[in-house]
Amino acid sequence: MQKILYFIPLIALTFSLTTAYAASPSPSPFIDESQVSENLKLRLKESLTTETTQTKNIKNLGYIGKVKDIIKETLIVEDKDGKKDVRITDSTSIVRAPGNTTIKQDNIRIDDYIIAIVTPKSEDLLEAKRLIVSVDPISPPAKSTGIGTITTIHKNSFVLTMDGADKTLHTTTKTIFKSPVALIEQSDLAVGDTLIYTAQLGANDTLTATHVMRIKTAAISQ
């Protein structure tokens, strides 16, 4: 009888361990390859979507500097913040100032100054869309802004009254015209309209408009 009592706890312990082991699911040694494939496809799609979105958001920038070295299709250009690589491609437009004569990459020399319209490819790599090259230092065009009322309209210019004085505002095919709510055409403007403008300041203080916003029409002004 005593021996039987000894075996009862042992049997109970064995039964408990067996039950616990059976209740715990054992890890499967098999991997669902189709599921893995679908996950990889999803991650690739997300990666491509993110890359495409980032690429679309990249805008062209202006960069001014001095050529310090030329390595094949890459210009090593230095500005006040350090050096950057400006890469020339088959679609890069290159002109020499003054005169805006079209030149080839072979005509760019060390110590030339450039204004580059570029697309950033990385922190220190810029892909050139357009290069303006000069022996002399190049400064970006000075800008001017103002507000005035149209008194006279010509084909490619307006005369504005500003603070009691008249100023001529020249326009080009690249001038952007808009109202506070939408883009408009130059032909939509009339004498008496009030404008806010941004313009490049040229020689003899000439103003060439880049952006013109009509903030008040002649009918409202009256």
C-alpha atoms as a PDB file:
ATOM      1  CA  MET A   1       0.000   0.000   0.000  1.00  0.00           C
ATOM      2  CA  GLN A   2       2.825   2.326   0.743  1.00  0.00           C
ATOM      3  CA  LYS A   3       4.415   1.653  -2.613  1.00  0.00           C
ATOM      4  CA  ILE A   4       1.175   2.540  -4.399  1.00  0.00           C
ATOM      5  CA  LEU A   5       1.093   5.900  -2.632  1.00  0.00           C
ATOM      6  CA  TYR A   6       4.592   6.617  -3.871  1.00  0.00           C
ATOM      7  CA  PHE A   7       3.535   5.985  -7.469  1.00  0.00           C
ATOM      8  CA  ILE A   8       0.445   8.155  -7.404  1.00  0.00           C
ATOM      9  CA  PRO A   9       2.341  11.533  -7.252  1.00  0.00           C
ATOM     10  CA  LEU A  10       4.711  10.337  -9.955  1.00  0.00           C
ATOM     11  CA  ILE A  11       1.861   9.369 -12.237  1.00  0.00           C
ATOM     12  CA  ALA A  12       0.135  12.712 -11.603  1.00  0.00           C
ATOM     13  CA  LEU A  13       3.294  14.655 -12.376  1.00  0.00           C
ATOM     14  CA  THR A  14       3.856  12.704 -15.555  1.00  0.00           C
ATOM     15  CA  PHE A  15       0.255  13.278 -16.653  1.00  0.00           C
ATOM     16  CA  SER A  16       0.545  17.024 -15.919  1.00  0.00           C
ATOM     17  CA  LEU A  17       3.722  17.421 -17.951  1.00  0.00           C
ATOM     18  CA  THR A  18       2.321  15.408 -20.833  1.00  0.00           C
ATOM     19  CA  THR A  19      -0.856  17.494 -20.910  1.00  0.00           C
ATOM     20  CA  ALA A  20       1.042  20.795 -20.789  1.00  0.00           C
ATOM     21  CA  TYR A  21       3.348  19.727 -23.611  1.00  0.00           C
ATOM     22  CA  ALA A  22       0.416  18.610 -25.709  1.00  0.00           C
ATOM     23  CA  ALA A  23      -1.390  21.926 -25.107  1.00  0.00           C
ATOM     24  CA  SER A  24       1.571  24.009 -26.260  1.00  0.00           C
ATOM     25  CA  PRO A  25       1.605  24.271 -30.070  1.00  0.00           C
ATOM     26  CA  SER A  26       4.917  23.203 -31.524  1.00  0.00           C
ATOM     27  CA  PRO A  27       6.474  25.573 -34.073  1.00  0.00           C
ATOM     28  CA  SER A  28       5.946  24.434 -37.619  1.00  0.00           C
ATOM     29  CA  PRO A  29       9.157  23.747 -39.543  1.00  0.00           C
ATOM     30  CA  PHE A  30       7.407  24.703 -42.789  1.00  0.00           C
ATOM     31  CA  ILE A  31       7.254  28.281 -44.269  1.00  0.00           C
ATOM     32  CA  ASP A  32       4.488  29.379 -46.590  1.00  0.00           C
ATOM     33  CA  GLU A  33       6.530  30.500 -49.629  1.00  0.00           C
ATOM     34  CA  SER A  34       3.541  32.142 -51.300  1.00  0.00           C
ATOM     35  CA  GLN A  35       3.020  34.362 -48.232  1.00  0.00           C
ATOM     36  CA  VAL A  36       6.690  35.352 -48.222  1.00  0.00           C
ATOM     37  CA  SER A  37       6.473  36.170 -51.922  1.00  0.00           C
ATOM     38  CA  GLU A  38       3.420  38.366 -51.380  1.00  0.00           C
ATOM     39  CA  ASN A  39       5.164  40.221 -48.526  1.00  0.00           C
ATOM     40  CA  LEU A  40       8.198  40.876 -50.705  1.00  0.00           C
ATOM     41  CA  LYS A  41       6.008  42.171 -53.515  1.00  0.00           C
ATOM     42  CA  LEU A  42       4.201  44.499 -51.090  1.00  0.00           C
ATOM     43  CA  ARG A  43       7.450  45.897 -49.691  1.00  0.00           C
ATOM     44  CA  LEU A  44       8.862  46.425 -53.197  1.00  0.00           C
ATOM     45  CA  LYS A  45       5.707  48.256 -54.242  1.00  0.00           C
ATOM     46  CA  GLU A  46       5.867  50.513 -51.167  1.00  0.00           C
ATOM     47  CA  SER A  47       9.550  51.231 -51.835  1.00  0.00           C
ATOM     48  CA  LEU A  48       8.930  52.127 -55.479  1.00  0.00           C
ATOM     49  CA  THR A  49       5.947  54.315 -54.570  1.00  0.00           C
ATOM     50  CA  THR A  50       7.994  56.227 -51.979  1.00  0.00           C
ATOM     51  CA  GLU A  51      10.893  56.678 -54.405  1.00  0.00           C
ATOM     52  CA  THR A  52       8.583  57.883 -57.172  1.00  0.00           C
ATOM     53  CA  THR A  53       6.883  60.377 -54.844  1.00  0.00           C
ATOM     54  CA  GLN A  54      10.217  61.728 -53.631  1.00  0.00           C
ATOM     55  CA  THR A  55      11.464  62.061 -57.229  1.00  0.00           C
ATOM     56  CA  LYS A  56       8.344  63.999 -58.250  1.00  0.00           C
ATOM     57  CA  ASN A  57       8.800  66.369 -55.319  1.00  0.00           C
ATOM     58  CA  ILE A  58      12.363  67.287 -56.321  1.00  0.00           C
ATOM     59  CA  LYS A  59      12.473  70.703 -57.941  1.00  0.00           C
ATOM     60  CA  ASN A  60      15.177  72.408 -59.979  1.00  0.00           C
ATOM     61  CA  LEU A  61      17.357  74.791 -58.005  1.00  0.00           C
ATOM     62  CA  GLY A  62      19.776  77.575 -58.833  1.00  0.00           C
ATOM     63  CA  TYR A  63      23.419  77.184 -57.829  1.00  0.00           C
ATOM     64  CA  ILE A  64      26.270  79.682 -58.206  1.00  0.00           C
ATOM     65  CA  GLY A  65      29.928  78.848 -57.814  1.00  0.00           C
ATOM     66  CA  LYS A  66      33.443  78.648 -59.251  1.00  0.00           C
ATOM     67  CA  VAL A  67      34.853  75.664 -61.150  1.00  0.00           C
ATOM     68  CA  LYS A  68      37.740  74.170 -59.167  1.00  0.00           C
ATOM     69  CA  ASP A  69      38.272  70.953 -61.153  1.00  0.00           C
ATOM     70  CA  ILE A  70      36.832  69.007 -64.086  1.00  0.00           C
ATOM     71  CA  ILE A  71      36.674  65.209 -63.929  1.00  0.00           C
ATOM     72  CA  LYS A  72      35.128  63.711 -67.078  1.00  0.00           C
ATOM     73  CA  GLU A  73      31.458  64.818 -67.062  1.00  0.00           C
ATOM     74  CA  THR A  74      31.611  66.270 -63.549  1.00  0.00           C
ATOM     75  CA  LEU A  75      32.487  69.815 -62.526  1.00  0.00           C
ATOM     76  CA  ILE A  76      33.823  70.314 -59.008  1.00  0.00           C
ATOM     77  CA  VAL A  77      32.224  73.639 -58.093  1.00  0.00           C
ATOM     78  CA  GLU A  78      32.905  75.647 -54.946  1.00  0.00           C
ATOM     79  CA  ASP A  79      30.754  78.242 -53.245  1.00  0.00           C
ATOM     80  CA  LYS A  80      30.774  79.783 -49.770  1.00  0.00           C
ATOM     81  CA  ASP A  81      29.425  76.549 -48.273  1.00  0.00           C
ATOM     82  CA  GLY A  82      32.012  74.214 -49.794  1.00  0.00           C
ATOM     83  CA  LYS A  83      32.358  72.023 -52.864  1.00  0.00           C
ATOM     84  CA  LYS A  84      29.725  70.134 -54.811  1.00  0.00           C
ATOM     85  CA  ASP A  85      29.779  67.880 -57.864  1.00  0.00           C
ATOM     86  CA  VAL A  86      27.808  69.235 -60.826  1.00  0.00           C
ATOM     87  CA  ARG A  87      27.220  66.461 -63.346  1.00  0.00           C
ATOM     88  CA  ILE A  88      26.762  67.294 -67.033  1.00  0.00           C
ATOM     89  CA  THR A  89      24.454  65.080 -69.113  1.00  0.00           C
ATOM     90  CA  ASP A  90      23.604  64.895 -72.817  1.00  0.00           C
ATOM     91  CA  SER A  91      20.590  67.136 -72.186  1.00  0.00           C
ATOM     92  CA  THR A  92      22.512  69.853 -70.295  1.00  0.00           C
ATOM     93  CA  SER A  93      22.362  73.252 -72.025  1.00  0.00           C
ATOM     94  CA  ILE A  94      25.633  75.217 -71.736  1.00  0.00           C
ATOM     95  CA  VAL A  95      26.092  78.878 -72.720  1.00  0.00           C
ATOM     96  CA  ARG A  96      28.859  81.398 -72.145  1.00  0.00           C
ATOM     97  CA  ALA A  97      28.107  84.901 -70.875  1.00  0.00           C
ATOM     98  CA  PRO A  98      28.019  87.600 -71.962  1.00  0.00           C
ATOM     99  CA  GLY A  99      26.262  86.891 -75.209  1.00  0.00           C
ATOM    100  CA  ASN A 100      24.700  83.545 -74.316  1.00  0.00           C
ATOM    101  CA  THR A 101      26.715  81.714 -76.973  1.00  0.00           C
ATOM    102  CA  THR A 102      26.140  77.951 -76.886  1.00  0.00           C
ATOM    103  CA  ILE A 103      29.331  76.082 -76.003  1.00  0.00           C
ATOM    104  CA  LYS A 104      30.430  72.511 -75.306  1.00  0.00           C
ATOM    105  CA  GLN A 105      31.720  71.067 -72.078  1.00  0.00           C
ATOM    106  CA  ASP A 106      35.279  71.197 -73.480  1.00  0.00           C
ATOM    107  CA  ASN A 107      35.034  75.000 -73.456  1.00  0.00           C
ATOM    108  CA  ILE A 108      34.538  75.143 -69.676  1.00  0.00           C
ATOM    109  CA  ARG A 109      37.779  75.975 -67.870  1.00  0.00           C
ATOM    110  CA  ILE A 110      38.978  75.751 -64.309  1.00  0.00           C
ATOM    111  CA  ASP A 111      38.317  79.052 -62.465  1.00  0.00           C
ATOM    112  CA  ASP A 112      35.299  79.815 -64.655  1.00  0.00           C
ATOM    113  CA  TYR A 113      32.247  81.043 -62.764  1.00  0.00           C
ATOM    114  CA  ILE A 114      28.900  79.397 -63.361  1.00  0.00           C
ATOM    115  CA  ILE A 115      25.218  79.762 -62.649  1.00  0.00           C
ATOM    116  CA  ALA A 116      23.713  76.283 -62.758  1.00  0.00           C
ATOM    117  CA  ILE A 117      20.082  75.228 -62.882  1.00  0.00           C
ATOM    118  CA  VAL A 118      20.308  71.816 -61.255  1.00  0.00           C
ATOM    119  CA  THR A 119      18.359  68.875 -59.878  1.00  0.00           C
ATOM    120  CA  PRO A 120      19.763  67.551 -56.568  1.00  0.00           C
ATOM    121  CA  LYS A 121      20.646  63.851 -56.737  1.00  0.00           C
ATOM    122  CA  SER A 122      22.234  63.683 -53.297  1.00  0.00           C
ATOM    123  CA  GLU A 123      23.604  66.092 -50.699  1.00  0.00           C
ATOM    124  CA  ASP A 124      26.757  66.801 -52.728  1.00  0.00           C
ATOM    125  CA  LEU A 125      25.737  65.751 -56.266  1.00  0.00           C
ATOM    126  CA  LEU A 126      23.787  68.071 -58.576  1.00  0.00           C
ATOM    127  CA  GLU A 127      22.654  67.204 -62.097  1.00  0.00           C
ATOM    128  CA  ALA A 128      22.888  70.211 -64.398  1.00  0.00           C
ATOM    129  CA  LYS A 129      19.958  71.216 -66.594  1.00  0.00           C
ATOM    130  CA  ARG A 130      21.463  74.517 -67.730  1.00  0.00           C
ATOM    131  CA  LEU A 131      24.863  76.133 -67.191  1.00  0.00           C
ATOM    132  CA  ILE A 132      25.780  79.782 -67.709  1.00  0.00           C
ATOM    133  CA  VAL A 133      29.564  80.080 -67.788  1.00  0.00           C
ATOM    134  CA  SER A 134      31.628  83.259 -67.418  1.00  0.00           C
ATOM    135  CA  VAL A 135      35.235  84.308 -66.872  1.00  0.00           C
ATOM    136  CA  ASP A 136      34.011  87.026 -64.518  1.00  0.00           C
ATOM    137  CA  PRO A 137      32.035  86.467 -61.299  1.00  0.00           C
ATOM    138  CA  ILE A 138      28.305  86.103 -61.893  1.00  0.00           C
ATOM    139  CA  SER A 139      25.694  87.556 -59.595  1.00  0.00           C
ATOM    140  CA  PRO A 140      22.040  86.537 -59.684  1.00  0.00           C
ATOM    141  CA  PRO A 141      19.705  89.156 -61.123  1.00  0.00           C
ATOM    142  CA  ALA A 142      18.535  91.651 -58.542  1.00  0.00           C
ATOM    143  CA  LYS A 143      14.812  91.511 -57.829  1.00  0.00           C
ATOM    144  CA  SER A 144      12.282  94.196 -57.119  1.00  0.00           C
ATOM    145  CA  THR A 145       8.714  94.061 -55.880  1.00  0.00           C
ATOM    146  CA  GLY A 146       6.066  96.723 -55.781  1.00  0.00           C
ATOM    147  CA  ILE A 147       2.412  97.676 -56.085  1.00  0.00           C
ATOM    148  CA  GLY A 148       0.901 100.081 -58.573  1.00  0.00           C
ATOM    149  CA  THR A 149      -2.070 100.951 -60.763  1.00  0.00           C
ATOM    150  CA  ILE A 150      -1.997 100.534 -64.541  1.00  0.00           C
ATOM    151  CA  THR A 151      -2.228 103.826 -66.404  1.00  0.00           C
ATOM    152  CA  THR A 152      -1.073 102.685 -69.867  1.00  0.00           C
ATOM    153  CA  ILE A 153      -0.899  99.284 -71.569  1.00  0.00           C
ATOM    154  CA  HIS A 154       1.506  98.385 -74.374  1.00  0.00           C
ATOM    155  CA  LYS A 155       2.050  95.055 -76.077  1.00  0.00           C
ATOM    156  CA  ASN A 156       4.988  93.993 -73.894  1.00  0.00           C
ATOM    157  CA  SER A 157       4.838  96.462 -71.007  1.00  0.00           C
ATOM    158  CA  PHE A 158       2.657  98.428 -68.605  1.00  0.00           C
ATOM    159  CA  VAL A 159       3.037 101.872 -67.132  1.00  0.00           C
ATOM    160  CA  LEU A 160       2.207 101.805 -63.429  1.00  0.00           C
ATOM    161  CA  THR A 161       1.582 104.699 -61.074  1.00  0.00           C
ATOM    162  CA  MET A 162       3.489 104.002 -57.852  1.00  0.00           C
ATOM    163  CA  ASP A 163       3.676 106.529 -55.031  1.00  0.00           C
ATOM    164  CA  GLY A 164       2.912 109.372 -57.420  1.00  0.00           C
ATOM    165  CA  ALA A 165       5.587 108.320 -59.961  1.00  0.00           C
ATOM    166  CA  ASP A 166       5.257 106.328 -63.185  1.00  0.00           C
ATOM    167  CA  LYS A 167       7.281 103.158 -63.774  1.00  0.00           C
ATOM    168  CA  THR A 168       7.361 100.885 -66.803  1.00  0.00           C
ATOM    169  CA  LEU A 169       6.987  97.170 -66.121  1.00  0.00           C
ATOM    170  CA  HIS A 170       8.162  95.024 -69.029  1.00  0.00           C
ATOM    171  CA  THR A 171       6.691  91.561 -69.632  1.00  0.00           C
ATOM    172  CA  THR A 172       7.895  88.452 -71.476  1.00  0.00           C
ATOM    173  CA  THR A 173       6.382  85.147 -72.555  1.00  0.00           C
ATOM    174  CA  LYS A 174       7.581  83.730 -69.217  1.00  0.00           C
ATOM    175  CA  THR A 175       5.776  86.305 -67.064  1.00  0.00           C
ATOM    176  CA  ILE A 176       3.123  84.647 -64.907  1.00  0.00           C
ATOM    177  CA  PHE A 177      -0.172  86.501 -64.462  1.00  0.00           C
ATOM    178  CA  LYS A 178      -2.696  85.584 -61.797  1.00  0.00           C
ATOM    179  CA  SER A 179      -5.491  86.796 -59.581  1.00  0.00           C
ATOM    180  CA  PRO A 180      -5.912  85.814 -55.924  1.00  0.00           C
ATOM    181  CA  VAL A 181      -7.951  82.773 -57.044  1.00  0.00           C
ATOM    182  CA  ALA A 182      -6.609  81.651 -60.450  1.00  0.00           C
ATOM    183  CA  LEU A 183      -4.186  82.165 -63.300  1.00  0.00           C
ATOM    184  CA  ILE A 184      -5.163  84.841 -65.820  1.00  0.00           C
ATOM    185  CA  GLU A 185      -3.867  86.112 -69.157  1.00  0.00           C
ATOM    186  CA  GLN A 186      -2.063  89.366 -69.814  1.00  0.00           C
ATOM    187  CA  SER A 187      -4.992  90.358 -72.022  1.00  0.00           C
ATOM    188  CA  ASP A 188      -7.281  90.193 -68.955  1.00  0.00           C
ATOM    189  CA  LEU A 189      -5.629  93.275 -67.452  1.00  0.00           C
ATOM    190  CA  ALA A 190      -7.014  96.751 -67.995  1.00  0.00           C
ATOM    191  CA  VAL A 191      -6.196 100.369 -67.254  1.00  0.00           C
ATOM    192  CA  GLY A 192      -7.120 101.062 -63.635  1.00  0.00           C
ATOM    193  CA  ASP A 193      -6.245  97.562 -62.372  1.00  0.00           C
ATOM    194  CA  THR A 194      -4.014  97.426 -59.298  1.00  0.00           C
ATOM    195  CA  LEU A 195      -1.093  94.988 -59.417  1.00  0.00           C
ATOM    196  CA  ILE A 196       1.501  93.486 -57.148  1.00  0.00           C
ATOM    197  CA  TYR A 197       4.573  92.412 -59.094  1.00  0.00           C
ATOM    198  CA  THR A 198       7.937  90.744 -58.742  1.00  0.00           C
ATOM    199  CA  ALA A 199      10.489  91.764 -61.349  1.00  0.00           C
ATOM    200  CA  GLN A 200      14.134  91.409 -62.260  1.00  0.00           C
ATOM    201  CA  LEU A 201      16.051  94.636 -62.024  1.00  0.00           C
ATOM    202  CA  GLY A 202      18.192  95.164 -65.113  1.00  0.00           C
ATOM    203  CA  ALA A 203      20.469  97.806 -66.518  1.00  0.00           C
ATOM    204  CA  ASN A 204      19.294 101.404 -66.087  1.00  0.00           C
ATOM    205  CA  ASP A 205      16.825 100.123 -63.465  1.00  0.00           C
ATOM    206  CA  THR A 206      14.579  98.473 -66.052  1.00  0.00           C
ATOM    207  CA  LEU A 207      11.932  96.161 -64.563  1.00  0.00           C
ATOM    208  CA  THR A 208      11.083  92.839 -66.232  1.00  0.00           C
ATOM    209  CA  ALA A 209       8.177  91.137 -64.521  1.00  0.00           C
ATOM    210  CA  THR A 210       8.385  87.492 -63.483  1.00  0.00           C
ATOM    211  CA  HIS A 211       5.073  87.423 -61.542  1.00  0.00           C
ATOM    212  CA  VAL A 212       2.118  89.781 -61.707  1.00  0.00           C
ATOM    213  CA  MET A 213      -0.937  89.507 -59.442  1.00  0.00           C
ATOM    214  CA  ARG A 214      -4.034  91.580 -60.034  1.00  0.00           C
ATOM    215  CA  ILE A 215      -5.446  92.459 -56.616  1.00  0.00           C
ATOM    216  CA  LYS A 216      -8.096  94.970 -57.710  1.00  0.00           C
ATOM    217  CA  THR A 217      -9.874  95.427 -61.041  1.00  0.00           C
ATOM    218  CA  ALA A 218     -10.657  98.746 -62.636  1.00  0.00           C
ATOM    219  CA  ALA A 219     -14.400  98.249 -62.018  1.00  0.00           C
ATOM    220  CA  ILE A 220     -13.844  97.835 -58.273  1.00  0.00           C
ATOM    221  CA  SER A 221     -11.370 100.713 -58.182  1.00  0.00           C
ATOM    222  CA  GLN A 222     -14.036 103.002 -59.559  1.00  0.00           C
END
